Amino acid sequence: MAWDLKQLTLAADTALQRLQDPHHRRIVENYRLHAMLEVSGRWSEIFTPELTVEHPFYRVAQPGGVIELDGAEQVSTFYKALSESETTVMILTGEELVVDDWGFASEAVYNTFVTGEQAIARGHATADPSRKYVEHRWVCMVWPYDARGRMIGERVYPAPTATLSECSEENFLTVADARRVFDPLIAQAQEALRAETAQ
């Protein structure tokens, strides 16, 4: 199966076609840019003052329990570890996105591209270390935003179980693939954000 990286932002793109409220649009534009930066391994750019508050707070459910990340240093360490694990490339399908003044809530299937070794490390004991896979997991998120449309933090609640499907080498997507697709779109979004902030 061939995957389309642009599906990552489909829910945000669709929402921007219907949203009229400037604050709601700013929230969704922020989320869209954040997602493209994260998947492309450009996580450090998430922490520009236009995108994220000075002291973000994350609460993330993991197999070992819930972790809380308090402040930019802890959140940056979390993103750095994700990037170094090379498991940031994902495509969201079936995303439902609800936006309000406080921020947004989302539910989607996260289709994450992993090697066999990474799949085993994620608990898929029957995975073959020599093969490539896509992990499919439902995830619920709640992200609060401030009055300027900057992300305050994330609340991320993945389903405890996931399924795994084998992915051919030619269809396996990498950070390099994400950058080829998203770098031009990121540049456009960042330029629009700078222009909006300058007003």
C-alpha atoms as a PDB file:
ATOM      1  CA  MET A   1       0.000   0.000   0.000  1.00  0.00           C
ATOM      2  CA  ALA A   2       1.330   3.441  -0.969  1.00  0.00           C
ATOM      3  CA  TRP A   3       0.996   6.085   1.730  1.00  0.00           C
ATOM      4  CA  ASP A   4       0.458   9.817   1.192  1.00  0.00           C
ATOM      5  CA  LEU A   5       2.350  11.922   3.738  1.00  0.00           C
ATOM      6  CA  LYS A   6       0.039  14.879   3.145  1.00  0.00           C
ATOM      7  CA  GLN A   7      -2.748  12.916   4.835  1.00  0.00           C
ATOM      8  CA  LEU A   8      -1.021  13.903   8.083  1.00  0.00           C
ATOM      9  CA  THR A   9      -2.638  17.349   7.881  1.00  0.00           C
ATOM     10  CA  LEU A  10      -5.880  16.401   6.120  1.00  0.00           C
ATOM     11  CA  ALA A  11      -8.119  17.142   9.119  1.00  0.00           C
ATOM     12  CA  ALA A  12      -6.434  20.499   9.712  1.00  0.00           C
ATOM     13  CA  ASP A  13      -6.584  21.398   6.020  1.00  0.00           C
ATOM     14  CA  THR A  14     -10.278  20.509   5.911  1.00  0.00           C
ATOM     15  CA  ALA A  15     -11.010  22.503   9.060  1.00  0.00           C
ATOM     16  CA  LEU A  16      -9.281  25.573   7.634  1.00  0.00           C
ATOM     17  CA  GLN A  17     -11.652  25.477   4.671  1.00  0.00           C
ATOM     18  CA  ARG A  18     -14.672  25.963   6.955  1.00  0.00           C
ATOM     19  CA  LEU A  19     -13.393  27.877   9.989  1.00  0.00           C
ATOM     20  CA  GLN A  20     -14.098  31.606  10.044  1.00  0.00           C
ATOM     21  CA  ASP A  21     -13.138  32.575  13.597  1.00  0.00           C
ATOM     22  CA  PRO A  22      -9.585  34.050  13.471  1.00  0.00           C
ATOM     23  CA  HIS A  23      -8.561  32.536  16.812  1.00  0.00           C
ATOM     24  CA  HIS A  24      -9.778  29.068  15.840  1.00  0.00           C
ATOM     25  CA  ARG A  25      -7.955  29.343  12.525  1.00  0.00           C
ATOM     26  CA  ARG A  26      -4.776  30.359  14.329  1.00  0.00           C
ATOM     27  CA  ILE A  27      -5.021  27.279  16.573  1.00  0.00           C
ATOM     28  CA  VAL A  28      -5.441  24.916  13.631  1.00  0.00           C
ATOM     29  CA  GLU A  29      -2.669  26.598  11.627  1.00  0.00           C
ATOM     30  CA  ASN A  30      -0.403  26.183  14.646  1.00  0.00           C
ATOM     31  CA  TYR A  31      -1.314  22.495  14.984  1.00  0.00           C
ATOM     32  CA  ARG A  32      -0.741  21.898  11.264  1.00  0.00           C
ATOM     33  CA  LEU A  33       2.721  23.481  11.343  1.00  0.00           C
ATOM     34  CA  HIS A  34       3.615  21.678  14.574  1.00  0.00           C
ATOM     35  CA  ALA A  35       2.700  18.303  13.034  1.00  0.00           C
ATOM     36  CA  MET A  36       4.775  18.881   9.906  1.00  0.00           C
ATOM     37  CA  LEU A  37       7.786  20.017  11.947  1.00  0.00           C
ATOM     38  CA  GLU A  38       7.577  17.018  14.284  1.00  0.00           C
ATOM     39  CA  VAL A  39       7.264  14.398  11.549  1.00  0.00           C
ATOM     40  CA  SER A  40      10.108  16.028   9.599  1.00  0.00           C
ATOM     41  CA  GLY A  41      12.477  15.846  12.559  1.00  0.00           C
ATOM     42  CA  ARG A  42      12.519  19.634  12.907  1.00  0.00           C
ATOM     43  CA  TRP A  43      11.162  19.533  16.460  1.00  0.00           C
ATOM     44  CA  SER A  44      13.341  22.373  17.790  1.00  0.00           C
ATOM     45  CA  GLU A  45      11.424  24.842  15.588  1.00  0.00           C
ATOM     46  CA  ILE A  46       8.253  24.021  17.523  1.00  0.00           C
ATOM     47  CA  PHE A  47       9.612  26.110  20.392  1.00  0.00           C
ATOM     48  CA  THR A  48       9.635  29.466  18.621  1.00  0.00           C
ATOM     49  CA  PRO A  49       7.758  32.085  20.694  1.00  0.00           C
ATOM     50  CA  GLU A  50       5.108  32.394  17.963  1.00  0.00           C
ATOM     51  CA  LEU A  51       4.170  28.699  18.237  1.00  0.00           C
ATOM     52  CA  THR A  52       4.613  27.670  21.870  1.00  0.00           C
ATOM     53  CA  VAL A  53       4.358  29.350  25.274  1.00  0.00           C
ATOM     54  CA  GLU A  54       7.532  29.857  27.281  1.00  0.00           C
ATOM     55  CA  HIS A  55       6.649  27.119  29.803  1.00  0.00           C
ATOM     56  CA  PRO A  56       4.778  24.268  28.089  1.00  0.00           C
ATOM     57  CA  PHE A  57       3.338  21.328  30.009  1.00  0.00           C
ATOM     58  CA  TYR A  58       2.773  17.863  28.530  1.00  0.00           C
ATOM     59  CA  ARG A  59       0.954  14.851  29.966  1.00  0.00           C
ATOM     60  CA  VAL A  60       1.563  11.705  27.918  1.00  0.00           C
ATOM     61  CA  ALA A  61       0.233   8.214  28.644  1.00  0.00           C
ATOM     62  CA  GLN A  62       2.740   5.435  27.955  1.00  0.00           C
ATOM     63  CA  PRO A  63       2.773   1.662  28.598  1.00  0.00           C
ATOM     64  CA  GLY A  64       4.652   2.221  31.860  1.00  0.00           C
ATOM     65  CA  GLY A  65       2.288   4.939  33.068  1.00  0.00           C
ATOM     66  CA  VAL A  66       1.648   8.626  32.586  1.00  0.00           C
ATOM     67  CA  ILE A  67       4.602  10.979  32.279  1.00  0.00           C
ATOM     68  CA  GLU A  68       4.460  14.720  32.880  1.00  0.00           C
ATOM     69  CA  LEU A  69       6.863  17.100  31.170  1.00  0.00           C
ATOM     70  CA  ASP A  70       7.037  20.460  32.896  1.00  0.00           C
ATOM     71  CA  GLY A  71       8.800  23.223  30.984  1.00  0.00           C
ATOM     72  CA  ALA A  72      10.635  23.652  27.696  1.00  0.00           C
ATOM     73  CA  GLU A  73      13.730  21.728  28.794  1.00  0.00           C
ATOM     74  CA  GLN A  74      11.852  18.557  29.682  1.00  0.00           C
ATOM     75  CA  VAL A  75       9.647  18.758  26.594  1.00  0.00           C
ATOM     76  CA  SER A  76      12.695  19.334  24.368  1.00  0.00           C
ATOM     77  CA  THR A  77      14.411  16.278  25.855  1.00  0.00           C
ATOM     78  CA  PHE A  78      11.297  14.230  25.060  1.00  0.00           C
ATOM     79  CA  TYR A  79      11.236  15.396  21.422  1.00  0.00           C
ATOM     80  CA  LYS A  80      14.981  14.841  21.035  1.00  0.00           C
ATOM     81  CA  ALA A  81      14.604  11.228  22.194  1.00  0.00           C
ATOM     82  CA  LEU A  82      11.705  10.699  19.768  1.00  0.00           C
ATOM     83  CA  SER A  83      13.749  12.110  16.905  1.00  0.00           C
ATOM     84  CA  GLU A  84      16.788   9.996  17.756  1.00  0.00           C
ATOM     85  CA  SER A  85      14.605   6.863  17.808  1.00  0.00           C
ATOM     86  CA  GLU A  86      13.662   7.623  14.169  1.00  0.00           C
ATOM     87  CA  THR A  87      10.000   6.855  14.860  1.00  0.00           C
ATOM     88  CA  THR A  88       8.524  10.298  14.160  1.00  0.00           C
ATOM     89  CA  VAL A  89       7.245   9.539  10.665  1.00  0.00           C
ATOM     90  CA  MET A  90       3.521   8.929  10.852  1.00  0.00           C
ATOM     91  CA  ILE A  91       0.327   9.483   8.899  1.00  0.00           C
ATOM     92  CA  LEU A  92      -2.983  10.192  10.618  1.00  0.00           C
ATOM     93  CA  THR A  93      -6.138   8.597   9.245  1.00  0.00           C
ATOM     94  CA  GLY A  94      -9.748   9.051  10.269  1.00  0.00           C
ATOM     95  CA  GLU A  95      -8.908  12.133  12.310  1.00  0.00           C
ATOM     96  CA  GLU A  96     -11.778  13.965  13.989  1.00  0.00           C
ATOM     97  CA  LEU A  97     -10.811  17.490  15.024  1.00  0.00           C
ATOM     98  CA  VAL A  98     -12.876  19.711  17.331  1.00  0.00           C
ATOM     99  CA  VAL A  99     -11.748  23.322  17.825  1.00  0.00           C
ATOM    100  CA  ASP A 100     -12.888  25.842  20.431  1.00  0.00           C
ATOM    101  CA  ASP A 101     -11.527  28.976  22.089  1.00  0.00           C
ATOM    102  CA  TRP A 102      -9.456  26.935  24.574  1.00  0.00           C
ATOM    103  CA  GLY A 103      -7.748  24.776  21.932  1.00  0.00           C
ATOM    104  CA  PHE A 104      -8.593  21.526  20.163  1.00  0.00           C
ATOM    105  CA  ALA A 105      -9.308  17.850  20.743  1.00  0.00           C
ATOM    106  CA  SER A 106      -8.463  15.155  18.230  1.00  0.00           C
ATOM    107  CA  GLU A 107      -8.895  11.421  17.749  1.00  0.00           C
ATOM    108  CA  ALA A 108      -7.153   9.550  14.948  1.00  0.00           C
ATOM    109  CA  VAL A 109      -5.362   6.384  13.956  1.00  0.00           C
ATOM    110  CA  TYR A 110      -1.633   7.032  14.083  1.00  0.00           C
ATOM    111  CA  ASN A 111       0.119   5.007  11.396  1.00  0.00           C
ATOM    112  CA  THR A 112       3.781   5.034  12.444  1.00  0.00           C
ATOM    113  CA  PHE A 113       6.583   3.701  10.256  1.00  0.00           C
ATOM    114  CA  VAL A 114       8.900   1.415  12.214  1.00  0.00           C
ATOM    115  CA  THR A 115      11.631  -1.108  11.535  1.00  0.00           C
ATOM    116  CA  GLY A 116      11.234  -4.653  12.792  1.00  0.00           C
ATOM    117  CA  GLU A 117      13.560  -3.918  15.704  1.00  0.00           C
ATOM    118  CA  GLN A 118      11.560  -0.829  16.617  1.00  0.00           C
ATOM    119  CA  ALA A 119       8.326  -2.830  16.399  1.00  0.00           C
ATOM    120  CA  ILE A 120       9.731  -5.415  18.817  1.00  0.00           C
ATOM    121  CA  ALA A 121      10.783  -2.629  21.196  1.00  0.00           C
ATOM    122  CA  ARG A 122       7.183  -1.356  21.052  1.00  0.00           C
ATOM    123  CA  GLY A 123       5.868  -4.721  22.225  1.00  0.00           C
ATOM    124  CA  HIS A 124       5.205  -6.508  18.924  1.00  0.00           C
ATOM    125  CA  ALA A 125       7.047  -9.696  19.817  1.00  0.00           C
ATOM    126  CA  THR A 126       6.259 -11.514  16.541  1.00  0.00           C
ATOM    127  CA  ALA A 127       7.803  -8.831  14.312  1.00  0.00           C
ATOM    128  CA  ASP A 128      10.739  -9.848  12.126  1.00  0.00           C
ATOM    129  CA  PRO A 129      13.791  -7.632  12.829  1.00  0.00           C
ATOM    130  CA  SER A 130      14.725  -7.701   9.138  1.00  0.00           C
ATOM    131  CA  ARG A 131      11.382  -6.320   7.906  1.00  0.00           C
ATOM    132  CA  LYS A 132       9.610  -2.957   7.874  1.00  0.00           C
ATOM    133  CA  TYR A 133       6.194  -2.240   9.371  1.00  0.00           C
ATOM    134  CA  VAL A 134       3.469   0.305  10.009  1.00  0.00           C
ATOM    135  CA  GLU A 135       2.018   0.389  13.512  1.00  0.00           C
ATOM    136  CA  HIS A 136      -1.658   1.423  13.727  1.00  0.00           C
ATOM    137  CA  ARG A 137      -2.836   2.907  17.035  1.00  0.00           C
ATOM    138  CA  TRP A 138      -5.807   5.040  18.059  1.00  0.00           C
ATOM    139  CA  VAL A 139      -4.723   8.193  19.869  1.00  0.00           C
ATOM    140  CA  CYS A 140      -6.784  10.882  21.619  1.00  0.00           C
ATOM    141  CA  MET A 141      -5.235  14.303  22.177  1.00  0.00           C
ATOM    142  CA  VAL A 142      -6.220  17.537  23.896  1.00  0.00           C
ATOM    143  CA  TRP A 143      -4.049  20.586  23.278  1.00  0.00           C
ATOM    144  CA  PRO A 144      -4.774  23.858  25.147  1.00  0.00           C
ATOM    145  CA  TYR A 145      -3.796  27.201  23.586  1.00  0.00           C
ATOM    146  CA  ASP A 146      -3.386  30.721  24.926  1.00  0.00           C
ATOM    147  CA  ALA A 147      -5.175  33.880  23.779  1.00  0.00           C
ATOM    148  CA  ARG A 148      -2.443  34.453  21.163  1.00  0.00           C
ATOM    149  CA  GLY A 149      -3.036  31.041  19.613  1.00  0.00           C
ATOM    150  CA  ARG A 150       0.161  29.547  21.025  1.00  0.00           C
ATOM    151  CA  MET A 151       0.269  25.963  22.236  1.00  0.00           C
ATOM    152  CA  ILE A 152       0.300  25.659  26.034  1.00  0.00           C
ATOM    153  CA  GLY A 153       0.934  21.936  25.967  1.00  0.00           C
ATOM    154  CA  GLU A 154      -0.334  18.507  25.036  1.00  0.00           C
ATOM    155  CA  ARG A 155      -2.409  15.804  26.664  1.00  0.00           C
ATOM    156  CA  VAL A 156      -1.846  12.589  24.698  1.00  0.00           C
ATOM    157  CA  TYR A 157      -3.691   9.334  25.404  1.00  0.00           C
ATOM    158  CA  PRO A 158      -2.827   6.439  23.070  1.00  0.00           C
ATOM    159  CA  ALA A 159      -4.828   3.223  23.060  1.00  0.00           C
ATOM    160  CA  PRO A 160      -3.010   0.520  25.047  1.00  0.00           C
ATOM    161  CA  THR A 161      -2.961  -1.872  22.097  1.00  0.00           C
ATOM    162  CA  ALA A 162      -1.980  -1.481  18.454  1.00  0.00           C
ATOM    163  CA  THR A 163      -1.908  -3.566  15.302  1.00  0.00           C
ATOM    164  CA  LEU A 164       1.014  -4.041  12.953  1.00  0.00           C
ATOM    165  CA  SER A 165       1.121  -4.467   9.186  1.00  0.00           C
ATOM    166  CA  GLU A 166       4.139  -5.233   7.074  1.00  0.00           C
ATOM    167  CA  CYS A 167       5.343  -2.465   4.763  1.00  0.00           C
ATOM    168  CA  SER A 168       7.362  -2.998   1.608  1.00  0.00           C
ATOM    169  CA  GLU A 169      10.704  -1.277   1.321  1.00  0.00           C
ATOM    170  CA  GLU A 170       9.498   0.997  -1.503  1.00  0.00           C
ATOM    171  CA  ASN A 171       6.488   2.172   0.541  1.00  0.00           C
ATOM    172  CA  PHE A 172       8.367   2.680   3.808  1.00  0.00           C
ATOM    173  CA  LEU A 173       8.550   6.394   4.620  1.00  0.00           C
ATOM    174  CA  THR A 174      11.511   8.062   6.329  1.00  0.00           C
ATOM    175  CA  VAL A 175      12.331  11.474   7.787  1.00  0.00           C
ATOM    176  CA  ALA A 176      14.047  12.312   4.505  1.00  0.00           C
ATOM    177  CA  ASP A 177      10.785  11.582   2.663  1.00  0.00           C
ATOM    178  CA  ALA A 178       8.882  13.761   5.126  1.00  0.00           C
ATOM    179  CA  ARG A 179      11.283  16.633   4.602  1.00  0.00           C
ATOM    180  CA  ARG A 180      10.964  16.427   0.829  1.00  0.00           C
ATOM    181  CA  VAL A 181       7.180  16.699   1.126  1.00  0.00           C
ATOM    182  CA  PHE A 182       6.850  19.098   4.038  1.00  0.00           C
ATOM    183  CA  ASP A 183       9.830  21.480   3.829  1.00  0.00           C
ATOM    184  CA  PRO A 184       8.152  23.691   1.166  1.00  0.00           C
ATOM    185  CA  LEU A 185       4.835  23.624   3.082  1.00  0.00           C
ATOM    186  CA  ILE A 186       6.623  24.435   6.348  1.00  0.00           C
ATOM    187  CA  ALA A 187       8.328  27.411   4.713  1.00  0.00           C
ATOM    188  CA  GLN A 188       4.962  28.722   3.484  1.00  0.00           C
ATOM    189  CA  ALA A 189       3.339  28.263   6.900  1.00  0.00           C
ATOM    190  CA  GLN A 190       6.235  29.917   8.724  1.00  0.00           C
ATOM    191  CA  GLU A 191       6.184  32.873   6.371  1.00  0.00           C
ATOM    192  CA  ALA A 192       2.431  33.290   6.876  1.00  0.00           C
ATOM    193  CA  LEU A 193       2.929  33.095  10.635  1.00  0.00           C
ATOM    194  CA  ARG A 194       5.655  35.758  10.559  1.00  0.00           C
ATOM    195  CA  ALA A 195       3.460  38.047   8.466  1.00  0.00           C
ATOM    196  CA  GLU A 196       0.509  37.544  10.826  1.00  0.00           C
ATOM    197  CA  THR A 197       2.630  38.146  13.920  1.00  0.00           C
ATOM    198  CA  ALA A 198       4.076  41.342  12.432  1.00  0.00           C
ATOM    199  CA  GLN A 199       0.626  42.893  12.016  1.00  0.00           C
END
